[in-house]
PDB file of N, CA and C in Angstrom:
ATOM      1  N   UNK A   1     -68.866  33.232-112.317  1.00  0.00           N
ATOM      2  CA  UNK A   1     -69.502  32.759-110.988  1.00  0.00           C
ATOM      3  C   UNK A   1     -68.999  31.293-110.651  1.00  0.00           C
ATOM      4  N   UNK A   2     -68.552  30.645-111.641  1.00  0.00           N
ATOM      5  CA  UNK A   2     -67.978  29.718-111.587  1.00  0.00           C
ATOM      6  C   UNK A   2     -66.632  29.390-110.628  1.00  0.00           C
ATOM      7  N   UNK A   3     -65.892  30.575-110.970  1.00  0.00           N
ATOM      8  CA  UNK A   3     -64.655  30.597-110.479  1.00  0.00           C
ATOM      9  C   UNK A   3     -64.744  31.163-108.904  1.00  0.00           C
ATOM     10  N   UNK A   4     -65.647  31.830-108.387  1.00  0.00           N
ATOM     11  CA  UNK A   4     -65.957  32.377-107.193  1.00  0.00           C
ATOM     12  C   UNK A   4     -66.385  31.175-106.297  1.00  0.00           C
ATOM     13  N   UNK A   5     -67.231  30.248-106.887  1.00  0.00           N
ATOM     14  CA  UNK A   5     -67.683  28.926-106.181  1.00  0.00           C
ATOM     15  C   UNK A   5     -66.448  28.183-105.890  1.00  0.00           C
ATOM     16  N   UNK A   6     -65.673  28.113-106.781  1.00  0.00           N
ATOM     17  CA  UNK A   6     -64.447  27.248-106.599  1.00  0.00           C
ATOM     18  C   UNK A   6     -63.543  27.674-105.555  1.00  0.00           C
ATOM     19  N   UNK A   7     -63.458  28.933-105.834  1.00  0.00           N
ATOM     20  CA  UNK A   7     -62.631  29.758-104.639  1.00  0.00           C
ATOM     21  C   UNK A   7     -62.964  29.493-103.233  1.00  0.00           C
ATOM     22  N   UNK A   8     -64.266  29.862-103.186  1.00  0.00           N
ATOM     23  CA  UNK A   8     -64.840  29.722-101.634  1.00  0.00           C
ATOM     24  C   UNK A   8     -64.690  28.350-101.254  1.00  0.00           C
ATOM     25  N   UNK A   9     -64.925  27.213-102.202  1.00  0.00           N
ATOM     26  CA  UNK A   9     -64.612  25.831-101.718  1.00  0.00           C
ATOM     27  C   UNK A   9     -63.286  25.360-101.356  1.00  0.00           C
ATOM     28  N   UNK A  10     -62.289  25.988-101.979  1.00  0.00           N
ATOM     29  CA  UNK A  10     -60.985  25.986-101.763  1.00  0.00           C
ATOM     30  C   UNK A  10     -60.494  26.583-100.396  1.00  0.00           C
ATOM     31  N   UNK A  11     -61.200  27.883-100.117  1.00  0.00           N
ATOM     32  CA  UNK A  11     -60.846  28.574 -98.974  1.00  0.00           C
ATOM     33  C   UNK A  11     -61.363  27.867 -97.834  1.00  0.00           C
ATOM     34  N   UNK A  12     -62.703  27.158 -97.875  1.00  0.00           N
ATOM     35  CA  UNK A  12     -63.375  26.486 -97.049  1.00  0.00           C
ATOM     36  C   UNK A  12     -62.497  25.232 -96.548  1.00  0.00           C
ATOM     37  N   UNK A  13     -61.964  24.690 -97.523  1.00  0.00           N
ATOM     38  CA  UNK A  13     -61.262  23.458 -97.246  1.00  0.00           C
ATOM     39  C   UNK A  13     -59.869  23.512 -96.702  1.00  0.00           C
ATOM     40  N   UNK A  14     -59.300  24.655 -96.996  1.00  0.00           N
ATOM     41  CA  UNK A  14     -58.224  25.136 -96.214  1.00  0.00           C
ATOM     42  C   UNK A  14     -58.311  25.474 -94.776  1.00  0.00           C
ATOM     43  N   UNK A  15     -59.512  26.074 -94.641  1.00  0.00           N
ATOM     44  CA  UNK A  15     -59.943  26.610 -93.267  1.00  0.00           C
ATOM     45  C   UNK A  15     -60.389  25.314 -92.559  1.00  0.00           C
ATOM     46  N   UNK A  16     -60.841  24.245 -93.025  1.00  0.00           N
ATOM     47  CA  UNK A  16     -60.992  23.006 -92.024  1.00  0.00           C
ATOM     48  C   UNK A  16     -59.622  22.263 -92.012  1.00  0.00           C
ATOM     49  N   UNK A  17     -58.748  22.237 -92.890  1.00  0.00           N
ATOM     50  CA  UNK A  17     -57.344  21.677 -92.669  1.00  0.00           C
ATOM     51  C   UNK A  17     -56.682  22.316 -91.416  1.00  0.00           C
ATOM     52  N   UNK A  18     -56.853  23.715 -91.657  1.00  0.00           N
ATOM     53  CA  UNK A  18     -56.223  24.605 -90.443  1.00  0.00           C
ATOM     54  C   UNK A  18     -56.838  24.255 -89.108  1.00  0.00           C
ATOM     55  N   UNK A  19     -58.179  24.168 -89.055  1.00  0.00           N
ATOM     56  CA  UNK A  19     -58.793  23.939 -87.807  1.00  0.00           C
ATOM     57  C   UNK A  19     -58.462  22.562 -87.199  1.00  0.00           C
ATOM     58  N   UNK A  20     -58.340  21.532 -88.160  1.00  0.00           N
ATOM     59  CA  UNK A  20     -57.967  20.151 -87.796  1.00  0.00           C
ATOM     60  C   UNK A  20     -56.471  20.274 -87.127  1.00  0.00           C
ATOM     61  N   UNK A  21     -55.925  20.943 -87.914  1.00  0.00           N
ATOM     62  CA  UNK A  21     -54.308  20.799 -87.466  1.00  0.00           C
ATOM     63  C   UNK A  21     -54.154  21.736 -86.106  1.00  0.00           C
ATOM     64  N   UNK A  22     -55.095  22.670 -86.073  1.00  0.00           N
ATOM     65  CA  UNK A  22     -55.131  23.312 -84.679  1.00  0.00           C
ATOM     66  C   UNK A  22     -55.627  22.657 -83.341  1.00  0.00           C
ATOM     67  N   UNK A  23     -56.587  21.815 -83.624  1.00  0.00           N
ATOM     68  CA  UNK A  23     -57.397  20.895 -82.651  1.00  0.00           C
ATOM     69  C   UNK A  23     -56.344  19.692 -82.331  1.00  0.00           C
ATOM     70  N   UNK A  24     -55.997  18.988 -83.389  1.00  0.00           N
ATOM     71  CA  UNK A  24     -55.668  17.779 -83.093  1.00  0.00           C
ATOM     72  C   UNK A  24     -53.818  17.510 -83.359  1.00  0.00           C
ATOM     73  N   UNK A  25     -53.396  18.540 -84.173  1.00  0.00           N
ATOM     74  CA  UNK A  25     -52.160  18.143 -84.606  1.00  0.00           C
ATOM     75  C   UNK A  25     -50.942  18.708 -83.529  1.00  0.00           C
ATOM     76  N   UNK A  26     -49.772  18.698 -83.781  1.00  0.00           N
ATOM     77  CA  UNK A  26     -48.496  18.928 -82.705  1.00  0.00           C
ATOM     78  C   UNK A  26     -48.704  20.478 -82.812  1.00  0.00           C
ATOM     79  N   UNK A  27     -48.625  20.595 -81.647  1.00  0.00           N
ATOM     80  CA  UNK A  27     -48.635  22.461 -81.022  1.00  0.00           C
ATOM     81  C   UNK A  27     -50.124  22.781 -80.985  1.00  0.00           C
ATOM     82  N   UNK A  28     -51.243  21.576 -81.119  1.00  0.00           N
ATOM     83  CA  UNK A  28     -52.388  22.143 -80.952  1.00  0.00           C
ATOM     84  C   UNK A  28     -53.115  21.945 -79.462  1.00  0.00           C
ATOM     85  N   UNK A  29     -54.214  21.730 -79.403  1.00  0.00           N
ATOM     86  CA  UNK A  29     -54.852  21.832 -77.885  1.00  0.00           C
ATOM     87  C   UNK A  29     -54.344  20.953 -76.938  1.00  0.00           C
ATOM     88  N   UNK A  30     -54.387  19.452 -77.410  1.00  0.00           N
ATOM     89  CA  UNK A  30     -53.792  18.521 -76.406  1.00  0.00           C
ATOM     90  C   UNK A  30     -52.477  18.697 -76.237  1.00  0.00           C
ATOM     91  N   UNK A  31     -51.639  19.384 -76.897  1.00  0.00           N
ATOM     92  CA  UNK A  31     -50.112  19.725 -76.533  1.00  0.00           C
ATOM     93  C   UNK A  31     -50.056  20.693 -75.524  1.00  0.00           C
ATOM     94  N   UNK A  32     -50.865  21.672 -75.778  1.00  0.00           N
ATOM     95  CA  UNK A  32     -51.013  23.058 -74.851  1.00  0.00           C
ATOM     96  C   UNK A  32     -51.494  22.580 -73.525  1.00  0.00           C
ATOM     97  N   UNK A  33     -52.372  21.597 -73.240  1.00  0.00           N
ATOM     98  CA  UNK A  33     -53.020  21.190 -72.009  1.00  0.00           C
ATOM     99  C   UNK A  33     -51.789  20.493 -71.498  1.00  0.00           C
ATOM    100  N   UNK A  34     -51.120  19.409 -72.102  1.00  0.00           N
ATOM    101  CA  UNK A  34     -50.019  18.588 -71.351  1.00  0.00           C
ATOM    102  C   UNK A  34     -49.086  19.616 -71.045  1.00  0.00           C
ATOM    103  N   UNK A  35     -48.647  20.662 -71.700  1.00  0.00           N
ATOM    104  CA  UNK A  35     -47.662  21.748 -71.241  1.00  0.00           C
ATOM    105  C   UNK A  35     -48.201  22.338 -69.944  1.00  0.00           C
ATOM    106  N   UNK A  36     -49.509  22.760 -69.900  1.00  0.00           N
ATOM    107  CA  UNK A  36     -50.079  23.450 -68.832  1.00  0.00           C
ATOM    108  C   UNK A  36     -49.949  22.399 -67.531  1.00  0.00           C
ATOM    109  N   UNK A  37     -50.227  21.263 -67.731  1.00  0.00           N
ATOM    110  CA  UNK A  37     -50.073  20.341 -66.718  1.00  0.00           C
ATOM    111  C   UNK A  37     -48.848  20.329 -66.189  1.00  0.00           C
ATOM    112  N   UNK A  38     -47.795  20.234 -67.094  1.00  0.00           N
ATOM    113  CA  UNK A  38     -46.464  20.200 -66.613  1.00  0.00           C
ATOM    114  C   UNK A  38     -46.089  21.696 -65.689  1.00  0.00           C
ATOM    115  N   UNK A  39     -46.469  22.615 -66.366  1.00  0.00           N
ATOM    116  CA  UNK A  39     -46.400  23.894 -65.486  1.00  0.00           C
ATOM    117  C   UNK A  39     -47.046  23.963 -64.264  1.00  0.00           C
ATOM    118  N   UNK A  40     -48.046  23.196 -63.968  1.00  0.00           N
ATOM    119  CA  UNK A  40     -48.842  23.357 -62.780  1.00  0.00           C
ATOM    120  C   UNK A  40     -47.917  22.486 -61.701  1.00  0.00           C
ATOM    121  N   UNK A  41     -47.685  21.270 -62.295  1.00  0.00           N
ATOM    122  CA  UNK A  41     -46.692  20.482 -61.362  1.00  0.00           C
ATOM    123  C   UNK A  41     -45.532  21.049 -61.194  1.00  0.00           C
ATOM    124  N   UNK A  42     -44.781  21.815 -61.902  1.00  0.00           N
ATOM    125  CA  UNK A  42     -43.513  22.362 -61.548  1.00  0.00           C
ATOM    126  C   UNK A  42     -43.615  23.405 -60.578  1.00  0.00           C
ATOM    127  N   UNK A  43     -44.936  24.185 -60.595  1.00  0.00           N
ATOM    128  CA  UNK A  43     -45.266  25.308 -59.692  1.00  0.00           C
ATOM    129  C   UNK A  43     -45.551  24.617 -58.273  1.00  0.00           C
ATOM    130  N   UNK A  44     -45.995  23.501 -58.334  1.00  0.00           N
ATOM    131  CA  UNK A  44     -46.383  22.912 -57.118  1.00  0.00           C
ATOM    132  C   UNK A  44     -44.911  22.495 -56.433  1.00  0.00           C
ATOM    133  N   UNK A  45     -43.960  22.128 -57.047  1.00  0.00           N
ATOM    134  CA  UNK A  45     -42.770  21.585 -56.516  1.00  0.00           C
ATOM    135  C   UNK A  45     -41.795  22.721 -56.041  1.00  0.00           C
ATOM    136  N   UNK A  46     -41.825  23.716 -56.801  1.00  0.00           N
ATOM    137  CA  UNK A  46     -41.338  25.175 -56.516  1.00  0.00           C
ATOM    138  C   UNK A  46     -41.793  25.495 -55.430  1.00  0.00           C
ATOM    139  N   UNK A  47     -43.008  25.443 -54.964  1.00  0.00           N
ATOM    140  CA  UNK A  47     -43.768  25.962 -53.693  1.00  0.00           C
ATOM    141  C   UNK A  47     -43.031  25.116 -52.620  1.00  0.00           C
ATOM    142  N   UNK A  48     -43.060  23.994 -52.686  1.00  0.00           N
ATOM    143  CA  UNK A  48     -42.429  23.153 -51.860  1.00  0.00           C
ATOM    144  C   UNK A  48     -41.047  23.320 -51.549  1.00  0.00           C
ATOM    145  N   UNK A  49     -40.187  23.525 -52.662  1.00  0.00           N
ATOM    146  CA  UNK A  49     -38.777  23.980 -52.530  1.00  0.00           C
ATOM    147  C   UNK A  49     -38.490  25.061 -51.874  1.00  0.00           C
ATOM    148  N   UNK A  50     -39.558  26.164 -52.253  1.00  0.00           N
ATOM    149  CA  UNK A  50     -39.310  27.414 -51.530  1.00  0.00           C
ATOM    150  C   UNK A  50     -39.640  27.222 -50.117  1.00  0.00           C
ATOM    151  N   UNK A  51     -40.660  26.747 -49.565  1.00  0.00           N
ATOM    152  CA  UNK A  51     -40.876  26.578 -48.316  1.00  0.00           C
ATOM    153  C   UNK A  51     -39.622  25.885 -47.608  1.00  0.00           C
ATOM    154  N   UNK A  52     -38.953  24.813 -48.005  1.00  0.00           N
ATOM    155  CA  UNK A  52     -37.882  24.403 -47.598  1.00  0.00           C
ATOM    156  C   UNK A  52     -36.381  25.278 -47.504  1.00  0.00           C
ATOM    157  N   UNK A  53     -36.466  26.149 -48.472  1.00  0.00           N
ATOM    158  CA  UNK A  53     -35.638  27.030 -48.412  1.00  0.00           C
ATOM    159  C   UNK A  53     -35.655  28.077 -47.410  1.00  0.00           C
ATOM    160  N   UNK A  54     -37.139  28.785 -47.386  1.00  0.00           N
ATOM    161  CA  UNK A  54     -37.425  29.553 -46.218  1.00  0.00           C
ATOM    162  C   UNK A  54     -37.005  29.047 -44.855  1.00  0.00           C
ATOM    163  N   UNK A  55     -37.173  27.850 -44.611  1.00  0.00           N
ATOM    164  CA  UNK A  55     -37.218  27.085 -43.454  1.00  0.00           C
ATOM    165  C   UNK A  55     -35.636  27.069 -43.036  1.00  0.00           C
ATOM    166  N   UNK A  56     -34.577  26.549 -44.108  1.00  0.00           N
ATOM    167  CA  UNK A  56     -33.306  26.793 -44.034  1.00  0.00           C
ATOM    168  C   UNK A  56     -32.879  28.049 -43.823  1.00  0.00           C
ATOM    169  N   UNK A  57     -33.237  29.062 -44.512  1.00  0.00           N
ATOM    170  CA  UNK A  57     -32.834  30.385 -44.115  1.00  0.00           C
ATOM    171  C   UNK A  57     -32.909  30.696 -42.917  1.00  0.00           C
ATOM    172  N   UNK A  58     -34.341  30.604 -42.145  1.00  0.00           N
ATOM    173  CA  UNK A  58     -34.587  30.845 -40.868  1.00  0.00           C
ATOM    174  C   UNK A  58     -33.739  30.328 -39.937  1.00  0.00           C
ATOM    175  N   UNK A  59     -33.336  28.767 -40.162  1.00  0.00           N
ATOM    176  CA  UNK A  59     -32.302  28.158 -39.303  1.00  0.00           C
ATOM    177  C   UNK A  59     -30.747  29.051 -39.487  1.00  0.00           C
ATOM    178  N   UNK A  60     -30.303  29.251 -40.647  1.00  0.00           N
ATOM    179  CA  UNK A  60     -29.138  29.882 -40.632  1.00  0.00           C
ATOM    180  C   UNK A  60     -29.259  31.177 -40.121  1.00  0.00           C
ATOM    181  N   UNK A  61     -30.401  31.915 -40.043  1.00  0.00           N
ATOM    182  CA  UNK A  61     -30.477  33.370 -39.462  1.00  0.00           C
ATOM    183  C   UNK A  61     -30.337  33.169 -37.967  1.00  0.00           C
ATOM    184  N   UNK A  62     -31.162  31.941 -37.461  1.00  0.00           N
ATOM    185  CA  UNK A  62     -31.119  31.504 -35.952  1.00  0.00           C
ATOM    186  C   UNK A  62     -29.594  31.186 -35.746  1.00  0.00           C
ATOM    187  N   UNK A  63     -29.013  30.494 -36.468  1.00  0.00           N
ATOM    188  CA  UNK A  63     -27.428  30.085 -35.904  1.00  0.00           C
ATOM    189  C   UNK A  63     -26.678  31.220 -36.072  1.00  0.00           C
ATOM    190  N   UNK A  64     -26.779  32.356 -36.935  1.00  0.00           N
ATOM    191  CA  UNK A  64     -25.963  33.581 -36.994  1.00  0.00           C
ATOM    192  C   UNK A  64     -26.244  34.299 -35.624  1.00  0.00           C
ATOM    193  N   UNK A  65     -27.517  34.598 -35.423  1.00  0.00           N
ATOM    194  CA  UNK A  65     -27.817  35.462 -34.533  1.00  0.00           C
ATOM    195  C   UNK A  65     -27.881  34.938 -33.045  1.00  0.00           C
ATOM    196  N   UNK A  66     -28.232  33.598 -32.594  1.00  0.00           N
ATOM    197  CA  UNK A  66     -28.391  33.490 -31.207  1.00  0.00           C
ATOM    198  C   UNK A  66     -27.576  32.305 -30.929  1.00  0.00           C
ATOM    199  N   UNK A  67     -27.199  32.285 -29.641  1.00  0.00           N
ATOM    200  CA  UNK A  67     -26.564  31.201 -29.325  1.00  0.00           C
ATOM    201  C   UNK A  67     -27.377  29.917 -28.889  1.00  0.00           C
ATOM    202  N   UNK A  68     -28.556  30.186 -28.577  1.00  0.00           N
ATOM    203  CA  UNK A  68     -29.448  29.123 -28.251  1.00  0.00           C
ATOM    204  C   UNK A  68     -29.497  28.059 -29.276  1.00  0.00           C
ATOM    205  N   UNK A  69     -29.494  28.013 -30.519  1.00  0.00           N
ATOM    206  CA  UNK A  69     -29.532  27.302 -31.545  1.00  0.00           C
ATOM    207  C   UNK A  69     -28.299  26.466 -31.517  1.00  0.00           C
ATOM    208  N   UNK A  70     -27.108  27.225 -31.455  1.00  0.00           N
ATOM    209  CA  UNK A  70     -25.834  26.579 -31.355  1.00  0.00           C
ATOM    210  C   UNK A  70     -25.554  25.608 -30.405  1.00  0.00           C
ATOM    211  N   UNK A  71     -26.290  26.218 -29.051  1.00  0.00           N
ATOM    212  CA  UNK A  71     -25.815  25.220 -27.749  1.00  0.00           C
ATOM    213  C   UNK A  71     -26.938  23.952 -28.112  1.00  0.00           C
ATOM    214  N   UNK A  72     -28.080  24.041 -28.528  1.00  0.00           N
ATOM    215  CA  UNK A  72     -28.845  23.117 -28.805  1.00  0.00           C
ATOM    216  C   UNK A  72     -28.237  22.025 -29.782  1.00  0.00           C
ATOM    217  N   UNK A  73     -27.515  22.453 -30.528  1.00  0.00           N
ATOM    218  CA  UNK A  73     -26.884  21.591 -31.415  1.00  0.00           C
ATOM    219  C   UNK A  73     -25.743  20.844 -30.828  1.00  0.00           C
ATOM    220  N   UNK A  74     -25.134  21.528 -30.035  1.00  0.00           N
ATOM    221  CA  UNK A  74     -23.826  20.825 -29.530  1.00  0.00           C
ATOM    222  C   UNK A  74     -24.189  20.005 -28.483  1.00  0.00           C
ATOM    223  N   UNK A  75     -25.673  20.335 -27.792  1.00  0.00           N
ATOM    224  CA  UNK A  75     -25.880  19.473 -26.841  1.00  0.00           C
ATOM    225  C   UNK A  75     -26.349  18.060 -27.517  1.00  0.00           C
ATOM    226  N   UNK A  76     -27.290  18.272 -28.519  1.00  0.00           N
ATOM    227  CA  UNK A  76     -27.852  16.988 -28.973  1.00  0.00           C
ATOM    228  C   UNK A  76     -27.056  16.291 -30.015  1.00  0.00           C
ATOM    229  N   UNK A  77     -26.388  17.083 -30.866  1.00  0.00           N
ATOM    230  CA  UNK A  77     -25.574  16.313 -31.846  1.00  0.00           C
ATOM    231  C   UNK A  77     -24.016  15.742 -31.337  1.00  0.00           C
ATOM    232  N   UNK A  78     -23.574  16.594 -30.686  1.00  0.00           N
ATOM    233  CA  UNK A  78     -22.107  16.403 -30.095  1.00  0.00           C
ATOM    234  C   UNK A  78     -22.034  15.930 -28.673  1.00  0.00           C
ATOM    235  N   UNK A  79     -22.959  16.144 -27.868  1.00  0.00           N
ATOM    236  CA  UNK A  79     -23.104  15.564 -26.474  1.00  0.00           C
ATOM    237  C   UNK A  79     -22.218  16.393 -25.587  1.00  0.00           C
ATOM    238  N   UNK A  80     -22.253  17.567 -25.882  1.00  0.00           N
ATOM    239  CA  UNK A  80     -21.516  18.667 -24.887  1.00  0.00           C
ATOM    240  C   UNK A  80     -22.374  18.981 -23.795  1.00  0.00           C
ATOM    241  N   UNK A  81     -21.522  19.526 -22.818  1.00  0.00           N
ATOM    242  CA  UNK A  81     -22.429  19.913 -21.487  1.00  0.00           C
ATOM    243  C   UNK A  81     -21.398  21.181 -21.238  1.00  0.00           C
ATOM    244  N   UNK A  82     -22.106  21.991 -20.465  1.00  0.00           N
ATOM    245  CA  UNK A  82     -21.624  23.249 -20.001  1.00  0.00           C
ATOM    246  C   UNK A  82     -20.595  23.168 -18.790  1.00  0.00           C
ATOM    247  N   UNK A  83     -19.657  24.063 -18.684  1.00  0.00           N
ATOM    248  CA  UNK A  83     -18.955  23.983 -17.534  1.00  0.00           C
ATOM    249  C   UNK A  83     -19.668  23.899 -16.320  1.00  0.00           C
ATOM    250  N   UNK A  84     -19.376  23.016 -15.514  1.00  0.00           N
ATOM    251  CA  UNK A  84     -20.054  23.201 -14.075  1.00  0.00           C
ATOM    252  C   UNK A  84     -21.239  22.385 -14.004  1.00  0.00           C
ATOM    253  N   UNK A  85     -21.651  21.864 -15.191  1.00  0.00           N
ATOM    254  CA  UNK A  85     -22.658  20.856 -15.158  1.00  0.00           C
ATOM    255  C   UNK A  85     -22.237  19.306 -14.819  1.00  0.00           C
ATOM    256  N   UNK A  86     -23.134  18.583 -14.310  1.00  0.00           N
ATOM    257  CA  UNK A  86     -22.991  17.196 -14.088  1.00  0.00           C
ATOM    258  C   UNK A  86     -23.814  16.528 -15.257  1.00  0.00           C
ATOM    259  N   UNK A  87     -22.730  15.460 -15.770  1.00  0.00           N
ATOM    260  CA  UNK A  87     -23.512  14.496 -16.740  1.00  0.00           C
ATOM    261  C   UNK A  87     -23.788  13.211 -16.283  1.00  0.00           C
ATOM    262  N   UNK A  88     -25.102  12.986 -16.463  1.00  0.00           N
ATOM    263  CA  UNK A  88     -25.645  11.563 -15.724  1.00  0.00           C
ATOM    264  C   UNK A  88     -26.180  10.829 -17.183  1.00  0.00           C
ATOM    265  N   UNK A  89     -25.523   9.581 -17.070  1.00  0.00           N
ATOM    266  CA  UNK A  89     -25.945   8.641 -18.382  1.00  0.00           C
ATOM    267  C   UNK A  89     -26.705   7.526 -17.597  1.00  0.00           C
ATOM    268  N   UNK A  90     -28.002   7.333 -17.975  1.00  0.00           N
ATOM    269  CA  UNK A  90     -28.871   6.357 -17.776  1.00  0.00           C
ATOM    270  C   UNK A  90     -28.773   5.130 -18.380  1.00  0.00           C
ATOM    271  N   UNK A  91     -28.180   4.038 -17.723  1.00  0.00           N
ATOM    272  CA  UNK A  91     -28.227   3.052 -18.694  1.00  0.00           C
ATOM    273  C   UNK A  91     -29.384   1.762 -17.903  1.00  0.00           C
ATOM    274  N   UNK A  92     -29.977   1.398 -18.764  1.00  0.00           N
ATOM    275  CA  UNK A  92     -31.089   0.487 -18.242  1.00  0.00           C
ATOM    276  C   UNK A  92     -30.398  -0.959 -17.868  1.00  0.00           C
ATOM    277  N   UNK A  93     -30.692  -1.781 -16.838  1.00  0.00           N
ATOM    278  CA  UNK A  93     -30.320  -3.024 -16.581  1.00  0.00           C
ATOM    279  C   UNK A  93     -30.600  -4.052 -17.882  1.00  0.00           C
ATOM    280  N   UNK A  94     -29.774  -4.619 -18.465  1.00  0.00           N
ATOM    281  CA  UNK A  94     -30.203  -5.473 -19.332  1.00  0.00           C
ATOM    282  C   UNK A  94     -30.469  -6.855 -18.693  1.00  0.00           C
ATOM    283  N   UNK A  95     -31.323  -7.777 -19.046  1.00  0.00           N
ATOM    284  CA  UNK A  95     -31.528  -8.997 -18.508  1.00  0.00           C
ATOM    285  C   UNK A  95     -30.258  -9.845 -18.625  1.00  0.00           C
ATOM    286  N   UNK A  96     -29.778 -10.504 -17.565  1.00  0.00           N
ATOM    287  CA  UNK A  96     -28.599 -11.033 -17.236  1.00  0.00           C
ATOM    288  C   UNK A  96     -29.022 -12.653 -18.097  1.00  0.00           C
ATOM    289  N   UNK A  97     -28.018 -13.570 -18.598  1.00  0.00           N
ATOM    290  CA  UNK A  97     -28.343 -14.641 -18.861  1.00  0.00           C
ATOM    291  C   UNK A  97     -28.191 -15.552 -17.783  1.00  0.00           C
ATOM    292  N   UNK A  98     -29.186 -16.696 -17.920  1.00  0.00           N
ATOM    293  CA  UNK A  98     -29.300 -17.535 -16.721  1.00  0.00           C
ATOM    294  C   UNK A  98     -27.854 -18.126 -16.578  1.00  0.00           C
ATOM    295  N   UNK A  99     -27.529 -18.475 -15.369  1.00  0.00           N
ATOM    296  CA  UNK A  99     -26.244 -19.143 -15.125  1.00  0.00           C
ATOM    297  C   UNK A  99     -26.232 -20.464 -15.698  1.00  0.00           C
ATOM    298  N   UNK A 100     -25.185 -20.864 -16.062  1.00  0.00           N
ATOM    299  CA  UNK A 100     -25.324 -22.338 -16.562  1.00  0.00           C
ATOM    300  C   UNK A 100     -25.141 -23.271 -15.433  1.00  0.00           C
ATOM    301  N   UNK A 101     -25.928 -24.527 -15.403  1.00  0.00           N
ATOM    302  CA  UNK A 101     -25.505 -25.376 -13.994  1.00  0.00           C
ATOM    303  C   UNK A 101     -24.417 -26.188 -14.191  1.00  0.00           C
ATOM    304  N   UNK A 102     -23.797 -25.938 -12.787  1.00  0.00           N
ATOM    305  CA  UNK A 102     -22.387 -26.658 -12.677  1.00  0.00           C
ATOM    306  C   UNK A 102     -22.654 -28.162 -12.682  1.00  0.00           C
ATOM    307  N   UNK A 103     -21.709 -29.012 -13.347  1.00  0.00           N
ATOM    308  CA  UNK A 103     -22.003 -30.721 -13.192  1.00  0.00           C
ATOM    309  C   UNK A 103     -20.866 -31.117 -12.337  1.00  0.00           C
TER     310      UNK A 103
END
């Protein structure tokens, strides 16, 4: 009977040590929660990047399929015009400096 009591006590002590290690040791619950937070943050970042990739893919498809996007870029970024169009450039009058008095 004495040996069984000591064996039970030993097994309970081992169980307590394992539980402490599970809840507070490396690879325990705090580590798992930190990793879960990192996974959530990475998923959020991946979603943003996926949206950006989708927008870029749509723009590439638009450039491949239609001339409207190419024309818009040529007009806005390169300043190109169509044949037969007249280009007008509006320049606002800058205030002129006051003439210096003649002595």
